C-alpha atoms as a PDB file:
ATOM      1  CA  MET A   1     142.290 143.146 120.965  1.00  0.00           C
ATOM      2  CA  THR A   2     139.527 140.234 121.026  1.00  0.00           C
ATOM      3  CA  HIS A   3     136.184 141.701 121.318  1.00  0.00           C
ATOM      4  CA  LEU A   4     133.975 141.279 124.557  1.00  0.00           C
ATOM      5  CA  THR A   5     131.841 138.170 124.276  1.00  0.00           C
ATOM      6  CA  GLU A   6     129.150 136.639 126.410  1.00  0.00           C
ATOM      7  CA  ASP A   7     131.812 134.297 127.924  1.00  0.00           C
ATOM      8  CA  ALA A   8     133.334 137.342 129.951  1.00  0.00           C
ATOM      9  CA  ARG A   9     134.176 136.235 133.369  1.00  0.00           C
ATOM     10  CA  GLY A  10     136.574 137.115 136.408  1.00  0.00           C
ATOM     11  CA  VAL A  11     137.100 140.598 137.599  1.00  0.00           C
ATOM     12  CA  TYR A  12     137.034 143.713 135.430  1.00  0.00           C
ATOM     13  CA  VAL A  13     138.534 146.321 137.727  1.00  0.00           C
ATOM     14  CA  ILE A  14     136.927 149.759 137.200  1.00  0.00           C
ATOM     15  CA  ALA A  15     139.919 151.826 136.899  1.00  0.00           C
ATOM     16  CA  VAL A  16     139.958 155.244 138.517  1.00  0.00           C
ATOM     17  CA  THR A  17     141.298 158.183 136.649  1.00  0.00           C
ATOM     18  CA  PRO A  18     144.412 159.810 138.316  1.00  0.00           C
ATOM     19  CA  PHE A  19     144.702 163.794 138.119  1.00  0.00           C
ATOM     20  CA  LEU A  20     147.567 166.222 138.966  1.00  0.00           C
ATOM     21  CA  PRO A  21     146.878 169.000 141.615  1.00  0.00           C
ATOM     22  CA  ASP A  22     145.905 171.391 138.903  1.00  0.00           C
ATOM     23  CA  GLY A  23     143.025 169.041 137.540  1.00  0.00           C
ATOM     24  CA  SER A  24     145.083 167.669 134.510  1.00  0.00           C
ATOM     25  CA  LEU A  25     145.589 164.320 133.784  1.00  0.00           C
ATOM     26  CA  ASP A  26     148.341 162.338 135.729  1.00  0.00           C
ATOM     27  CA  LEU A  27     149.404 159.762 132.890  1.00  0.00           C
ATOM     28  CA  ASP A  28     152.506 158.473 134.916  1.00  0.00           C
ATOM     29  CA  SER A  29     150.231 157.399 137.758  1.00  0.00           C
ATOM     30  CA  THR A  30     148.044 155.921 134.867  1.00  0.00           C
ATOM     31  CA  ASP A  31     150.725 153.568 133.918  1.00  0.00           C
ATOM     32  CA  ARG A  32     151.451 152.490 137.648  1.00  0.00           C
ATOM     33  CA  MET A  33     147.776 151.891 138.191  1.00  0.00           C
ATOM     34  CA  VAL A  34     147.552 149.821 135.139  1.00  0.00           C
ATOM     35  CA  ASP A  35     150.409 147.837 136.147  1.00  0.00           C
ATOM     36  CA  PHE A  36     149.308 147.367 139.600  1.00  0.00           C
ATOM     37  CA  TYR A  37     145.909 146.017 138.471  1.00  0.00           C
ATOM     38  CA  LEU A  38     147.472 143.558 136.180  1.00  0.00           C
ATOM     39  CA  LYS A  39     149.885 142.375 138.807  1.00  0.00           C
ATOM     40  CA  ALA A  40     146.935 141.681 141.136  1.00  0.00           C
ATOM     41  CA  GLY A  41     145.486 139.320 138.505  1.00  0.00           C
ATOM     42  CA  ALA A  42     142.694 141.479 136.880  1.00  0.00           C
ATOM     43  CA  THR A  43     140.644 139.686 134.013  1.00  0.00           C
ATOM     44  CA  GLY A  44     140.071 142.956 132.230  1.00  0.00           C
ATOM     45  CA  LEU A  45     139.717 146.683 132.860  1.00  0.00           C
ATOM     46  CA  THR A  46     136.836 149.157 132.655  1.00  0.00           C
ATOM     47  CA  VAL A  47     137.821 152.606 132.188  1.00  0.00           C
ATOM     48  CA  LEU A  48     135.569 155.946 131.938  1.00  0.00           C
ATOM     49  CA  GLY A  49     132.999 154.379 134.407  1.00  0.00           C
ATOM     50  CA  MET A  50     131.145 156.316 136.755  1.00  0.00           C
ATOM     51  CA  MET A  51     133.707 155.886 139.595  1.00  0.00           C
ATOM     52  CA  GLY A  52     136.473 156.848 136.608  1.00  0.00           C
ATOM     53  CA  GLU A  53     134.877 160.324 136.495  1.00  0.00           C
ATOM     54  CA  ALA A  54     134.324 160.466 132.735  1.00  0.00           C
ATOM     55  CA  PRO A  55     131.988 163.557 133.082  1.00  0.00           C
ATOM     56  CA  LYS A  56     135.231 165.475 134.171  1.00  0.00           C
ATOM     57  CA  LEU A  57     136.942 164.770 131.023  1.00  0.00           C
ATOM     58  CA  THR A  58     136.477 166.125 127.427  1.00  0.00           C
ATOM     59  CA  VAL A  59     136.491 163.861 124.662  1.00  0.00           C
ATOM     60  CA  GLU A  60     140.056 164.606 123.776  1.00  0.00           C
ATOM     61  CA  GLU A  61     140.861 163.520 127.096  1.00  0.00           C
ATOM     62  CA  SER A  62     138.778 160.885 127.245  1.00  0.00           C
ATOM     63  CA  ARG A  63     140.705 159.308 124.182  1.00  0.00           C
ATOM     64  CA  LEU A  64     144.080 160.198 125.515  1.00  0.00           C
ATOM     65  CA  VAL A  65     143.548 158.080 128.884  1.00  0.00           C
ATOM     66  CA  VAL A  66     142.083 155.183 126.783  1.00  0.00           C
ATOM     67  CA  ARG A  67     144.951 155.247 124.412  1.00  0.00           C
ATOM     68  CA  ARG A  68     147.396 155.339 127.428  1.00  0.00           C
ATOM     69  CA  ILE A  69     145.779 152.359 129.307  1.00  0.00           C
ATOM     70  CA  LEU A  70     145.464 150.374 125.932  1.00  0.00           C
ATOM     71  CA  ALA A  71     149.268 150.932 125.324  1.00  0.00           C
ATOM     72  CA  ARG A  72     150.067 149.909 128.974  1.00  0.00           C
ATOM     73  CA  VAL A  73     147.753 146.920 128.758  1.00  0.00           C
ATOM     74  CA  ALA A  74     149.433 145.760 125.328  1.00  0.00           C
ATOM     75  CA  GLY A  75     146.871 143.068 124.820  1.00  0.00           C
ATOM     76  CA  GLN A  76     147.370 141.102 128.044  1.00  0.00           C
ATOM     77  CA  VAL A  77     143.564 141.779 129.136  1.00  0.00           C
ATOM     78  CA  PRO A  78     140.611 143.175 127.439  1.00  0.00           C
ATOM     79  CA  VAL A  79     139.508 146.776 128.053  1.00  0.00           C
ATOM     80  CA  VAL A  80     136.047 147.746 128.077  1.00  0.00           C
ATOM     81  CA  VAL A  81     135.282 151.819 127.936  1.00  0.00           C
ATOM     82  CA  GLY A  82     132.289 153.626 129.312  1.00  0.00           C
ATOM     83  CA  VAL A  83     130.710 155.760 126.614  1.00  0.00           C
ATOM     84  CA  SER A  84     127.286 156.771 128.270  1.00  0.00           C
ATOM     85  CA  SER A  85     126.902 160.396 127.167  1.00  0.00           C
ATOM     86  CA  PRO A  86     123.785 162.642 126.905  1.00  0.00           C
ATOM     87  CA  GLY A  87     123.471 162.259 123.151  1.00  0.00           C
ATOM     88  CA  PHE A  88     124.036 159.460 120.735  1.00  0.00           C
ATOM     89  CA  ALA A  89     126.443 161.276 118.499  1.00  0.00           C
ATOM     90  CA  GLN A  90     129.022 161.790 121.240  1.00  0.00           C
ATOM     91  CA  MET A  91     128.450 158.055 122.301  1.00  0.00           C
ATOM     92  CA  GLN A  92     128.784 157.022 118.432  1.00  0.00           C
ATOM     93  CA  THR A  93     132.133 158.938 118.220  1.00  0.00           C
ATOM     94  CA  LEU A  94     133.667 157.916 121.510  1.00  0.00           C
ATOM     95  CA  SER A  95     132.804 154.134 120.772  1.00  0.00           C
ATOM     96  CA  ALA A  96     134.311 154.367 117.258  1.00  0.00           C
ATOM     97  CA  MET A  97     137.534 156.073 118.446  1.00  0.00           C
ATOM     98  CA  VAL A  98     138.151 153.593 121.506  1.00  0.00           C
ATOM     99  CA  MET A  99     137.446 150.591 119.313  1.00  0.00           C
ATOM    100  CA  ASP A 100     139.834 151.874 116.485  1.00  0.00           C
ATOM    101  CA  ASP A 101     142.325 152.031 119.389  1.00  0.00           C
ATOM    102  CA  GLY A 102     141.767 148.449 120.627  1.00  0.00           C
ATOM    103  CA  ALA A 103     139.078 148.661 123.229  1.00  0.00           C
ATOM    104  CA  ALA A 104     137.135 144.916 123.606  1.00  0.00           C
ATOM    105  CA  GLY A 105     133.837 146.934 124.062  1.00  0.00           C
ATOM    106  CA  VAL A 106     131.790 149.684 125.678  1.00  0.00           C
ATOM    107  CA  MET A 107     129.625 150.233 128.341  1.00  0.00           C
ATOM    108  CA  ILE A 108     126.327 152.175 128.321  1.00  0.00           C
ATOM    109  CA  ALA A 109     124.188 153.320 131.209  1.00  0.00           C
ATOM    110  CA  PRO A 110     120.680 154.584 130.576  1.00  0.00           C
ATOM    111  CA  PRO A 111     119.859 158.398 131.066  1.00  0.00           C
ATOM    112  CA  SER A 112     117.955 159.351 133.936  1.00  0.00           C
ATOM    113  CA  SER A 113     115.123 160.617 131.510  1.00  0.00           C
ATOM    114  CA  LEU A 114     113.848 157.133 130.646  1.00  0.00           C
ATOM    115  CA  LYS A 115     110.605 156.344 132.739  1.00  0.00           C
ATOM    116  CA  THR A 116     108.783 153.356 131.106  1.00  0.00           C
ATOM    117  CA  ASP A 117     109.822 149.838 129.910  1.00  0.00           C
ATOM    118  CA  ASP A 118     109.505 150.692 126.250  1.00  0.00           C
ATOM    119  CA  GLN A 119     111.389 153.892 126.734  1.00  0.00           C
ATOM    120  CA  ILE A 120     114.335 152.023 128.059  1.00  0.00           C
ATOM    121  CA  VAL A 121     114.317 149.245 125.329  1.00  0.00           C
ATOM    122  CA  GLY A 122     113.918 152.062 122.631  1.00  0.00           C
ATOM    123  CA  TYR A 123     117.077 153.523 124.150  1.00  0.00           C
ATOM    124  CA  TYR A 124     119.005 150.672 123.708  1.00  0.00           C
ATOM    125  CA  HIS A 125     117.883 149.988 120.309  1.00  0.00           C
ATOM    126  CA  GLN A 126     118.929 153.587 118.995  1.00  0.00           C
ATOM    127  CA  ALA A 127     122.313 153.249 121.009  1.00  0.00           C
ATOM    128  CA  ALA A 128     122.893 149.908 119.351  1.00  0.00           C
ATOM    129  CA  ASP A 129     122.258 151.168 116.020  1.00  0.00           C
ATOM    130  CA  PHE A 130     124.595 154.262 116.605  1.00  0.00           C
ATOM    131  CA  ILE A 131     127.484 151.950 117.713  1.00  0.00           C
ATOM    132  CA  GLY A 132     127.232 149.225 114.997  1.00  0.00           C
ATOM    133  CA  GLU A 133     128.574 145.910 115.625  1.00  0.00           C
ATOM    134  CA  THR A 134     130.713 147.106 118.776  1.00  0.00           C
ATOM    135  CA  PRO A 135     129.741 144.753 121.646  1.00  0.00           C
ATOM    136  CA  PHE A 136     128.326 146.520 124.798  1.00  0.00           C
ATOM    137  CA  VAL A 137     127.841 145.916 128.625  1.00  0.00           C
ATOM    138  CA  LEU A 138     124.324 146.984 129.780  1.00  0.00           C
ATOM    139  CA  GLN A 139     124.638 149.020 132.869  1.00  0.00           C
ATOM    140  CA  ASP A 140     122.022 148.601 135.570  1.00  0.00           C
ATOM    141  CA  PHE A 141     122.575 150.814 138.168  1.00  0.00           C
ATOM    142  CA  PRO A 142     119.354 152.304 139.580  1.00  0.00           C
ATOM    143  CA  LEU A 143     120.660 153.889 142.408  1.00  0.00           C
ATOM    144  CA  VAL A 144     122.504 156.278 140.449  1.00  0.00           C
ATOM    145  CA  THR A 145     120.749 156.302 137.395  1.00  0.00           C
ATOM    146  CA  GLY A 146     117.113 156.359 138.757  1.00  0.00           C
ATOM    147  CA  VAL A 147     116.185 153.964 136.167  1.00  0.00           C
ATOM    148  CA  HIS A 148     114.858 150.641 137.065  1.00  0.00           C
ATOM    149  CA  MET A 149     115.249 147.780 134.719  1.00  0.00           C
ATOM    150  CA  PRO A 150     113.179 144.768 135.659  1.00  0.00           C
ATOM    151  CA  VAL A 151     114.167 141.431 134.421  1.00  0.00           C
ATOM    152  CA  THR A 152     111.558 141.661 131.628  1.00  0.00           C
ATOM    153  CA  VAL A 153     113.262 144.748 130.408  1.00  0.00           C
ATOM    154  CA  ILE A 154     116.713 143.166 130.331  1.00  0.00           C
ATOM    155  CA  LYS A 155     115.392 139.978 128.610  1.00  0.00           C
ATOM    156  CA  ARG A 156     113.963 142.368 125.780  1.00  0.00           C
ATOM    157  CA  ILE A 157     117.286 143.930 125.466  1.00  0.00           C
ATOM    158  CA  VAL A 158     119.300 140.696 125.411  1.00  0.00           C
ATOM    159  CA  ASP A 159     116.711 138.801 123.112  1.00  0.00           C
ATOM    160  CA  GLU A 160     116.475 141.693 120.704  1.00  0.00           C
ATOM    161  CA  LEU A 161     119.988 143.179 120.445  1.00  0.00           C
ATOM    162  CA  PRO A 162     122.827 140.527 119.920  1.00  0.00           C
ATOM    163  CA  THR A 163     125.468 143.107 120.567  1.00  0.00           C
ATOM    164  CA  CYS A 164     124.506 143.260 123.949  1.00  0.00           C
ATOM    165  CA  VAL A 165     126.951 140.687 125.645  1.00  0.00           C
ATOM    166  CA  CYS A 166     127.103 141.591 129.186  1.00  0.00           C
ATOM    167  CA  LEU A 167     125.192 142.687 132.155  1.00  0.00           C
ATOM    168  CA  LYS A 168     126.806 145.070 134.903  1.00  0.00           C
ATOM    169  CA  HIS A 169     124.459 144.205 137.394  1.00  0.00           C
ATOM    170  CA  GLU A 170     124.536 146.925 140.137  1.00  0.00           C
ATOM    171  CA  ASP A 171     121.205 146.878 141.505  1.00  0.00           C
ATOM    172  CA  TRP A 172     121.004 146.753 145.416  1.00  0.00           C
ATOM    173  CA  PRO A 173     119.675 144.564 146.542  1.00  0.00           C
ATOM    174  CA  GLY A 174     119.502 142.650 143.576  1.00  0.00           C
ATOM    175  CA  LEU A 175     120.208 138.890 144.160  1.00  0.00           C
ATOM    176  CA  GLU A 176     116.530 137.864 143.145  1.00  0.00           C
ATOM    177  CA  LYS A 177     117.455 139.583 139.549  1.00  0.00           C
ATOM    178  CA  ILE A 178     120.516 137.223 139.241  1.00  0.00           C
ATOM    179  CA  SER A 179     118.688 134.106 140.043  1.00  0.00           C
ATOM    180  CA  ALA A 180     115.822 135.145 137.731  1.00  0.00           C
ATOM    181  CA  LEU A 181     117.945 135.861 134.875  1.00  0.00           C
ATOM    182  CA  ARG A 182     119.802 132.673 135.275  1.00  0.00           C
ATOM    183  CA  ALA A 183     116.811 130.699 135.677  1.00  0.00           C
ATOM    184  CA  GLU A 184     116.213 128.184 132.614  1.00  0.00           C
ATOM    185  CA  GLY A 185     114.167 129.824 129.757  1.00  0.00           C
ATOM    186  CA  THR A 186     114.419 133.424 131.028  1.00  0.00           C
ATOM    187  CA  LEU A 187     116.746 134.386 128.371  1.00  0.00           C
ATOM    188  CA  SER A 188     117.021 133.310 124.833  1.00  0.00           C
ATOM    189  CA  ARG A 189     120.879 132.961 125.230  1.00  0.00           C
ATOM    190  CA  ARG A 190     123.254 133.124 128.116  1.00  0.00           C
ATOM    191  CA  ILE A 191     125.270 136.605 128.781  1.00  0.00           C
ATOM    192  CA  SER A 192     127.828 137.695 130.985  1.00  0.00           C
ATOM    193  CA  ILE A 193     126.852 139.017 134.668  1.00  0.00           C
ATOM    194  CA  LEU A 194     129.565 140.890 135.977  1.00  0.00           C
ATOM    195  CA  CYS A 195     128.652 142.681 139.500  1.00  0.00           C
ATOM    196  CA  GLY A 196     129.250 146.086 140.971  1.00  0.00           C
ATOM    197  CA  ASN A 197     128.882 148.004 144.167  1.00  0.00           C
ATOM    198  CA  GLY A 198     132.441 147.569 144.945  1.00  0.00           C
ATOM    199  CA  GLY A 199     132.091 143.996 145.568  1.00  0.00           C
ATOM    200  CA  MET A 200     129.995 144.165 148.722  1.00  0.00           C
ATOM    201  CA  PHE A 201     127.796 141.287 147.932  1.00  0.00           C
ATOM    202  CA  LEU A 202     130.503 139.318 145.564  1.00  0.00           C
ATOM    203  CA  PRO A 203     130.145 135.868 147.312  1.00  0.00           C
ATOM    204  CA  GLU A 204     126.292 136.089 147.444  1.00  0.00           C
ATOM    205  CA  GLU A 205     126.090 137.229 143.751  1.00  0.00           C
ATOM    206  CA  MET A 206     128.709 134.455 142.493  1.00  0.00           C
ATOM    207  CA  ALA A 207     126.395 131.772 144.389  1.00  0.00           C
ATOM    208  CA  ARG A 208     123.406 133.048 142.497  1.00  0.00           C
ATOM    209  CA  GLY A 209     125.178 132.670 138.998  1.00  0.00           C
ATOM    210  CA  ALA A 210     127.476 135.731 138.619  1.00  0.00           C
ATOM    211  CA  ASP A 211     130.555 135.375 136.317  1.00  0.00           C
ATOM    212  CA  GLY A 212     132.771 137.727 138.165  1.00  0.00           C
ATOM    213  CA  ALA A 213     132.840 141.431 139.243  1.00  0.00           C
ATOM    214  CA  MET A 214     133.076 144.834 137.252  1.00  0.00           C
ATOM    215  CA  THR A 215     133.621 147.302 139.933  1.00  0.00           C
ATOM    216  CA  GLY A 216     136.618 148.841 141.803  1.00  0.00           C
ATOM    217  CA  PHE A 217     138.123 148.399 145.464  1.00  0.00           C
ATOM    218  CA  GLY A 218     141.276 149.835 146.791  1.00  0.00           C
ATOM    219  CA  TYR A 219     142.404 145.902 147.167  1.00  0.00           C
ATOM    220  CA  PRO A 220     141.061 144.098 144.142  1.00  0.00           C
ATOM    221  CA  GLU A 221     143.009 141.189 144.781  1.00  0.00           C
ATOM    222  CA  MET A 222     140.305 140.509 147.362  1.00  0.00           C
ATOM    223  CA  MET A 223     137.759 140.314 144.577  1.00  0.00           C
ATOM    224  CA  ILE A 224     139.987 138.193 142.479  1.00  0.00           C
ATOM    225  CA  ASP A 225     140.640 135.801 145.182  1.00  0.00           C
ATOM    226  CA  VAL A 226     136.785 135.385 145.796  1.00  0.00           C
ATOM    227  CA  VAL A 227     135.929 134.803 142.345  1.00  0.00           C
ATOM    228  CA  ARG A 228     138.736 132.362 142.047  1.00  0.00           C
ATOM    229  CA  HIS A 229     137.904 130.124 144.991  1.00  0.00           C
ATOM    230  CA  HIS A 230     134.490 130.141 144.076  1.00  0.00           C
ATOM    231  CA  GLU A 231     135.344 128.673 140.608  1.00  0.00           C
ATOM    232  CA  ALA A 232     137.570 126.082 142.049  1.00  0.00           C
ATOM    233  CA  GLY A 233     134.756 124.982 144.113  1.00  0.00           C
ATOM    234  CA  ASN A 234     135.983 126.492 147.360  1.00  0.00           C
ATOM    235  CA  PRO A 235     133.600 129.106 148.014  1.00  0.00           C
ATOM    236  CA  ASP A 236     133.985 128.999 151.831  1.00  0.00           C
ATOM    237  CA  ARG A 237     137.503 129.986 151.599  1.00  0.00           C
ATOM    238  CA  GLY A 238     136.438 133.032 149.137  1.00  0.00           C
ATOM    239  CA  GLN A 239     133.841 133.984 151.853  1.00  0.00           C
ATOM    240  CA  ASP A 240     136.679 133.992 154.668  1.00  0.00           C
ATOM    241  CA  ILE A 241     138.941 136.131 152.500  1.00  0.00           C
ATOM    242  CA  PHE A 242     136.047 138.613 151.732  1.00  0.00           C
ATOM    243  CA  ASP A 243     135.262 138.751 155.422  1.00  0.00           C
ATOM    244  CA  ALA A 244     138.796 139.981 156.123  1.00  0.00           C
ATOM    245  CA  TYR A 245     138.398 142.994 153.732  1.00  0.00           C
ATOM    246  CA  LEU A 246     134.774 143.753 154.345  1.00  0.00           C
ATOM    247  CA  PRO A 247     135.368 146.695 156.975  1.00  0.00           C
ATOM    248  CA  LEU A 248     137.447 148.489 154.161  1.00  0.00           C
ATOM    249  CA  ALA A 249     134.853 147.570 151.546  1.00  0.00           C
ATOM    250  CA  ARG A 250     131.967 148.910 153.623  1.00  0.00           C
ATOM    251  CA  TYR A 251     134.020 152.108 154.717  1.00  0.00           C
ATOM    252  CA  GLU A 252     134.754 152.672 150.798  1.00  0.00           C
ATOM    253  CA  GLN A 253     131.169 152.586 150.102  1.00  0.00           C
ATOM    254  CA  GLN A 254     130.280 155.864 151.845  1.00  0.00           C
ATOM    255  CA  PRO A 255     127.987 158.037 149.586  1.00  0.00           C
ATOM    256  CA  GLY A 256     130.169 161.021 148.408  1.00  0.00           C
ATOM    257  CA  ALA A 257     133.560 159.950 150.226  1.00  0.00           C
ATOM    258  CA  GLY A 258     133.979 156.592 148.505  1.00  0.00           C
ATOM    259  CA  LEU A 259     136.053 157.409 145.603  1.00  0.00           C
ATOM    260  CA  ALA A 260     138.221 159.761 147.555  1.00  0.00           C
ATOM    261  CA  VAL A 261     138.820 156.851 150.284  1.00  0.00           C
ATOM    262  CA  ARG A 262     139.521 154.517 147.330  1.00  0.00           C
ATOM    263  CA  LYS A 263     142.097 156.835 145.510  1.00  0.00           C
ATOM    264  CA  TYR A 264     143.679 157.286 148.669  1.00  0.00           C
ATOM    265  CA  VAL A 265     144.275 153.792 149.501  1.00  0.00           C
ATOM    266  CA  LEU A 266     145.437 153.385 146.009  1.00  0.00           C
ATOM    267  CA  ALA A 267     147.829 156.066 146.114  1.00  0.00           C
ATOM    268  CA  LYS A 268     149.051 154.792 149.640  1.00  0.00           C
ATOM    269  CA  ARG A 269     149.774 151.524 148.020  1.00  0.00           C
ATOM    270  CA  GLY A 270     151.786 153.163 145.276  1.00  0.00           C
END
């Protein structure tokens, strides 16, 4: 599998993790889920993200899920794997495993213990040292992590760490941040910006210079169509499609219940 690069664009769907009633992995449903995302037109998949319930899995289960998904994808699209963990040793082990199995890159969120700009930058320097040449996605999701990354901090990470190839932008509200990062001279190189929050602001994010989405939704084809029409120079059509799905997208963003809603919709869709 080709490694993730700064040119990543489109929709990298955050995959859910299907479970059986006893809490074990539902691998047959995992296969159907991958087929569904690919048929919808996903550019890539991201697994073991926050909405993928990664903390519920052991390292062995995490690898089993990743291997199953990679085997089902069979190289059709790149797969990014979330490797955020309390310690660098586990991050290093999981990163090495998934990259050996064919993943395109990993995603790293900052731990909530980071309080200053220097601590955030230092943490990513350490993470990059542990995962070596593996390309990584910088996850900026302050509503969940409690870690706020201003543009100056993202700039330092991007400028100092060449293996940081993508920003998962999930600040809310965060449109000004995208504009600032895309302003000429802010970053020493252009990286991919893929946005989260269930696609709730995707038309506006695309207009600010985002390259697409890295998030989930019960109808991922909505996000795929919004990005496709925007890149084709027809953002109004993308906006119309977005508006048609907005009630469900908003309903799915309920704190606590949102993931259950998404899984229920996906199950109803087969």
